[in-house]
Protein backbone atom coordinates (compact mmCIF):
# COMPACT_ATOMS: atom_id res chain seq x y z
CA MET A 1 16.82 -66.45 66.45
CA VAL A 2 16.22 -65.58 62.80
CA ARG A 3 18.90 -66.65 60.36
CA ILE A 4 19.30 -66.80 56.60
CA ILE A 5 19.00 -70.45 55.62
CA SER A 6 21.45 -72.17 53.30
CA ALA A 7 20.67 -72.02 49.59
CA PRO A 8 21.79 -74.95 47.38
CA LEU A 9 23.26 -72.58 44.80
CA THR A 10 25.09 -75.22 42.76
CA ARG A 11 21.86 -77.15 42.18
CA TYR A 12 19.95 -74.22 40.69
CA ARG A 13 19.28 -73.97 37.01
CA SER A 14 20.51 -70.76 35.39
CA SER A 15 17.10 -69.08 35.54
CA GLN A 16 16.61 -70.09 39.20
CA HIS A 17 20.04 -68.84 40.17
CA LEU A 18 19.50 -65.47 38.52
CA PHE A 19 16.02 -65.21 40.05
CA LEU A 20 17.46 -65.57 43.56
CA MET A 21 20.40 -63.25 42.96
CA ASN A 22 18.31 -60.47 41.45
CA ASP A 23 15.77 -60.68 44.27
CA PHE A 24 18.56 -60.84 46.85
CA ILE A 25 20.15 -57.64 45.53
CA ARG A 26 16.76 -55.91 45.42
CA LEU A 27 15.99 -56.91 49.02
CA VAL A 28 19.41 -55.72 50.16
CA PHE A 29 18.89 -52.28 48.62
CA GLU A 30 15.43 -52.04 50.19
CA ASN A 31 16.82 -52.51 53.71
CA PRO A 32 19.27 -49.75 54.81
CA SER A 33 20.75 -51.85 57.65
CA VAL A 34 21.41 -54.79 55.37
CA SER A 35 22.65 -52.56 52.57
CA GLN A 36 25.24 -51.05 54.89
CA LEU A 37 26.45 -54.49 55.97
CA ALA A 38 26.68 -55.69 52.38
CA GLN A 39 28.52 -52.60 51.14
CA PRO A 40 32.01 -54.18 50.89
CA TYR A 41 30.68 -56.81 48.46
CA LEU A 42 27.53 -55.35 46.95
CA GLN A 43 29.01 -53.51 43.98
CA ASP A 44 31.12 -56.51 42.99
CA LEU A 45 28.10 -58.79 43.34
CA GLN A 46 25.98 -56.58 41.09
CA LYS A 47 28.71 -56.52 38.43
CA ALA A 48 29.15 -60.30 38.65
CA VAL A 49 25.41 -60.90 38.30
CA ASP A 50 25.33 -58.58 35.28
CA VAL A 51 28.03 -60.72 33.67
CA GLU A 52 26.05 -63.86 34.50
CA ILE A 53 22.93 -62.40 32.86
CA VAL A 54 24.79 -61.66 29.62
CA ALA A 55 26.43 -65.10 29.64
CA GLU A 56 23.11 -66.83 30.31
CA GLU A 57 21.38 -64.99 27.47
CA ALA A 58 24.18 -65.88 25.07
CA GLU A 59 24.31 -69.53 26.10
CA ARG A 60 20.55 -69.87 25.89
CA GLY A 61 20.87 -68.92 22.24
CA SER A 62 23.19 -71.81 21.48
CA MET A 63 21.63 -75.08 20.27
CA PHE A 64 24.50 -77.08 21.78
CA THR A 65 24.62 -75.53 25.26
CA GLU A 66 21.77 -77.53 26.78
CA LYS A 67 23.34 -80.81 25.69
CA ILE A 68 26.73 -79.78 27.07
CA ASN A 69 25.14 -78.86 30.39
CA GLU A 70 23.42 -82.26 30.56
CA LEU A 71 26.73 -83.99 29.87
CA PHE A 72 28.47 -81.98 32.58
CA VAL A 73 25.87 -83.09 35.13
CA LEU A 74 26.29 -86.72 34.10
CA ARG A 75 30.06 -86.48 34.28
CA GLU A 76 29.90 -85.08 37.82
CA LYS A 77 27.62 -87.98 38.75
CA TYR A 78 29.89 -90.65 37.25
CA TYR A 79 33.02 -89.05 38.69
CA GLY A 80 31.40 -89.10 42.13
CA ALA A 81 30.52 -92.78 41.70
CA PHE A 82 34.10 -93.56 40.69
CA HIS A 83 35.35 -91.71 43.77
CA ASN A 84 33.01 -93.79 45.95
CA LEU A 85 34.33 -97.04 44.47
CA VAL A 86 37.89 -95.96 45.25
CA ASP A 87 36.90 -95.05 48.82
CA ASN A 88 35.12 -98.38 49.26
CA GLY A 89 38.15 -100.20 47.92
CA LEU A 90 40.35 -98.71 50.64
CA ASN A 91 38.30 -100.65 53.20
CA HIS A 92 38.02 -103.90 51.25
CA PHE A 93 38.89 -107.27 52.81
CA ASP A 94 40.99 -108.20 49.76
CA GLN A 95 44.45 -106.61 49.98
CA ASN A 96 44.74 -106.56 46.18
CA VAL A 97 41.67 -104.32 46.03
CA VAL A 98 43.08 -102.11 48.81
CA ASP A 99 46.38 -101.70 46.96
CA ALA A 100 44.58 -100.87 43.71
CA ALA A 101 42.38 -98.32 45.50
CA LYS A 102 45.44 -96.69 47.11
CA LEU A 103 47.09 -96.32 43.71
CA LEU A 104 43.96 -94.70 42.27
CA GLU A 105 43.56 -92.51 45.34
CA ARG A 106 47.02 -91.04 44.74
CA LEU A 107 46.05 -90.30 41.16
CA LEU A 108 42.76 -88.66 42.19
CA ASN A 109 44.60 -86.53 44.75
CA LYS A 110 46.54 -85.08 41.82
CA TYR A 111 43.21 -83.78 40.51
CA SER A 112 41.68 -82.96 43.91
CA ASP A 113 40.76 -79.38 42.93
CA ILE A 114 39.08 -80.34 39.66
CA GLN A 115 35.59 -79.45 40.92
CA HIS A 116 36.66 -75.86 41.66
CA LYS A 117 38.04 -75.08 38.24
CA THR A 118 36.52 -73.29 35.27
CA ARG A 119 34.61 -75.22 32.66
CA ALA A 120 37.51 -75.15 30.19
CA GLU A 121 39.97 -76.25 32.87
CA LYS A 122 37.66 -79.09 33.87
CA MET A 123 37.50 -80.28 30.27
CA THR A 124 41.30 -80.39 30.16
CA ASP A 125 41.70 -82.06 33.56
CA PHE A 126 39.05 -84.70 32.95
CA THR A 127 40.67 -85.52 29.61
CA ASN A 128 44.09 -85.80 31.24
CA LEU A 129 42.66 -87.96 34.04
CA SER A 130 40.95 -90.25 31.55
CA ASN A 131 44.18 -90.62 29.58
CA GLU A 132 46.10 -91.51 32.73
CA LEU A 133 43.48 -94.06 33.72
CA GLN A 134 44.14 -95.86 30.44
CA LYS A 135 47.80 -96.46 31.33
CA PRO A 136 48.40 -100.15 32.14
CA GLU A 137 49.07 -99.73 35.88
CA TYR A 138 45.96 -97.60 36.43
CA ALA A 139 43.78 -99.55 34.00
CA ASN A 140 44.54 -102.72 35.93
CA ALA A 141 43.70 -101.01 39.23
CA VAL A 142 40.42 -99.73 37.79
CA SER A 143 39.46 -103.26 36.78
CA ILE A 144 40.38 -104.67 40.19
CA ILE A 145 38.04 -102.30 42.05
CA GLY A 146 35.28 -102.82 39.46
CA ALA A 147 35.20 -99.25 38.15
CA ARG A 148 35.80 -99.85 34.45
CA ASP A 149 32.23 -98.96 33.41
CA TRP A 150 32.42 -95.66 35.28
CA THR A 151 35.77 -94.58 33.84
CA ASN A 152 34.58 -95.53 30.35
CA LYS A 153 31.52 -93.32 30.84
CA ILE A 154 33.67 -90.40 31.97
CA GLN A 155 35.86 -90.82 28.88
CA GLU A 156 32.79 -91.09 26.64
CA ILE A 157 31.36 -87.86 28.04
CA ASN A 158 34.68 -86.04 27.63
CA VAL A 159 34.70 -86.90 23.93
CA ALA A 160 31.06 -85.82 23.54
CA CYS A 161 31.63 -82.55 25.42
CA THR A 162 34.57 -81.69 23.17
CA ALA A 163 32.56 -82.45 20.05
CA HIS A 164 29.59 -80.33 21.15
CA ALA A 165 31.87 -77.48 22.24
CA ASP A 166 33.55 -77.48 18.83
CA SER A 167 30.16 -77.46 17.11
CA ARG A 168 29.01 -74.57 19.27
CA GLU A 169 32.08 -72.57 18.34
CA LYS A 170 31.23 -73.07 14.68
CA GLU A 171 27.78 -71.58 15.17
CA GLY A 172 29.38 -68.20 14.83
CA VAL A 173 27.36 -66.83 17.75
CA ALA A 174 28.99 -63.84 19.38
CA ARG A 175 29.25 -64.85 23.01
CA PRO A 176 30.92 -63.20 26.01
CA LYS A 177 34.30 -64.59 27.04
CA VAL A 178 32.90 -65.84 30.34
CA ASN A 179 30.27 -68.59 30.46
CA VAL A 180 27.50 -69.09 33.03
CA HIS A 181 29.46 -71.73 34.95
CA ASP A 182 32.45 -69.41 35.42
CA ALA A 183 30.25 -66.39 36.16
CA ARG A 184 28.51 -68.28 38.96
CA MET A 185 31.89 -69.16 40.46
CA VAL A 186 32.34 -65.41 41.00
CA VAL A 187 28.77 -64.67 42.10
CA ASP A 188 28.33 -67.42 44.70
CA PRO A 189 31.28 -66.52 47.00
CA LEU A 190 30.13 -62.87 47.06
CA TYR A 191 26.56 -63.90 47.91
CA ASN A 192 27.81 -66.23 50.64
CA ALA A 193 30.09 -63.53 52.07
CA ILE A 194 27.15 -61.14 52.45
CA VAL A 195 24.93 -63.85 53.96
CA ASP A 196 27.65 -64.84 56.44
CA ARG A 197 28.15 -61.20 57.40
CA ILE A 198 24.43 -60.71 58.04
CA ASN A 199 24.08 -63.93 60.05
CA ALA A 200 27.15 -63.07 62.12
CA THR A 201 25.80 -59.60 62.89
CA ILE A 202 22.46 -61.06 63.99
CA THR A 203 24.25 -63.54 66.26
CA LEU A 204 26.53 -60.96 67.86
CA ASN A 205 24.05 -58.12 68.17
CA SER A 206 20.35 -58.76 67.63
CA GLU A 207 17.84 -59.52 64.92
CA ALA A 208 16.26 -56.08 65.18
CA GLY A 209 16.13 -54.48 61.75
CA TYR A 210 16.86 -57.71 59.92
CA THR A 211 13.81 -59.91 60.56
CA ASP A 212 11.76 -58.74 57.59
CA PHE A 213 14.73 -59.09 55.22
CA VAL A 214 15.60 -62.57 56.48
CA ASP A 215 11.99 -63.78 56.36
CA ARG A 216 11.50 -62.57 52.79
CA LEU A 217 14.79 -64.02 51.57
CA ASN A 218 14.20 -67.34 53.32
CA SER A 219 10.76 -67.53 51.72
CA LYS A 220 12.35 -67.28 48.27
CA ILE A 221 15.01 -69.89 49.13
CA GLU A 222 12.35 -72.27 50.45
CA GLY A 223 10.30 -71.72 47.30
CA LEU A 224 13.26 -72.70 45.13
CA LYS A 225 13.95 -75.74 47.33
CA ASN A 226 10.36 -76.87 46.78
CA THR A 227 10.79 -76.38 43.04
CA LEU A 228 13.96 -78.48 43.05
CA ALA A 229 12.16 -81.22 44.98
CA GLN A 230 9.30 -81.20 42.48
CA GLN A 231 11.72 -81.37 39.56
CA LYS A 232 13.54 -84.29 41.17
CA GLY A 233 10.23 -86.06 41.79
CA ALA A 234 9.11 -85.50 38.22
CA LYS A 235 12.39 -86.88 36.88
CA LYS A 236 12.11 -90.00 39.06
CA ALA A 237 8.57 -90.53 37.82
CA SER A 238 9.64 -90.21 34.19
CA ASP A 239 12.52 -92.64 34.74
CA THR A 240 10.26 -95.29 36.29
CA PRO A 241 9.20 -97.94 33.74
CA THR A 242 5.46 -98.14 33.16
CA ALA A 243 3.88 -101.45 34.15
CA LYS A 244 2.37 -103.31 31.23
């Protein structure tokens, strides 16, 4: 049975994300059956993508945006590593490590929705989390589970992000109130809602009338997946030291 495959939306660069969304909307309009199914969400999706386009164009014009985006990716990576150390500590043979991990787990639960917040809210929450981790009871727990380097990196990136954001504000560039990150938080649920609706209809009824649409969309998603894989491979190659 044909089915729209999953698209790793959060991994796309801005240009890749907009490429898929614009093509998706075009394909929807070209297929009457799909267009009818998408109707409850289609107008909102188009408006949200229009906002994303404006935000992307404005951010692309800022000399500090690329650096901020790089820092955000690093912070997500380090935060994930810190989370893993806490999880590992919960299963440690040393009860002192277990107790420290439990204390940190309770703190992280306080910020459990941090990944679903806007960029500005994330900046605030990560700063607050870093400040709490410097309190004696938490700082000691961080040291016990061996996560000091990771929390220091998160703090370092928070400071850098704030500095770059302040510098970008001083550029005097007229930018829309919403940024690309926040715009995509609106776009992605609408896209997923339409995809889920189409897949559910195919499952309950039949694939008649949808095969061409699904095949063409899947081809674009696969193409972007291949691009992501190539980018990842190129990065690994550039990070590998050259033998002398």
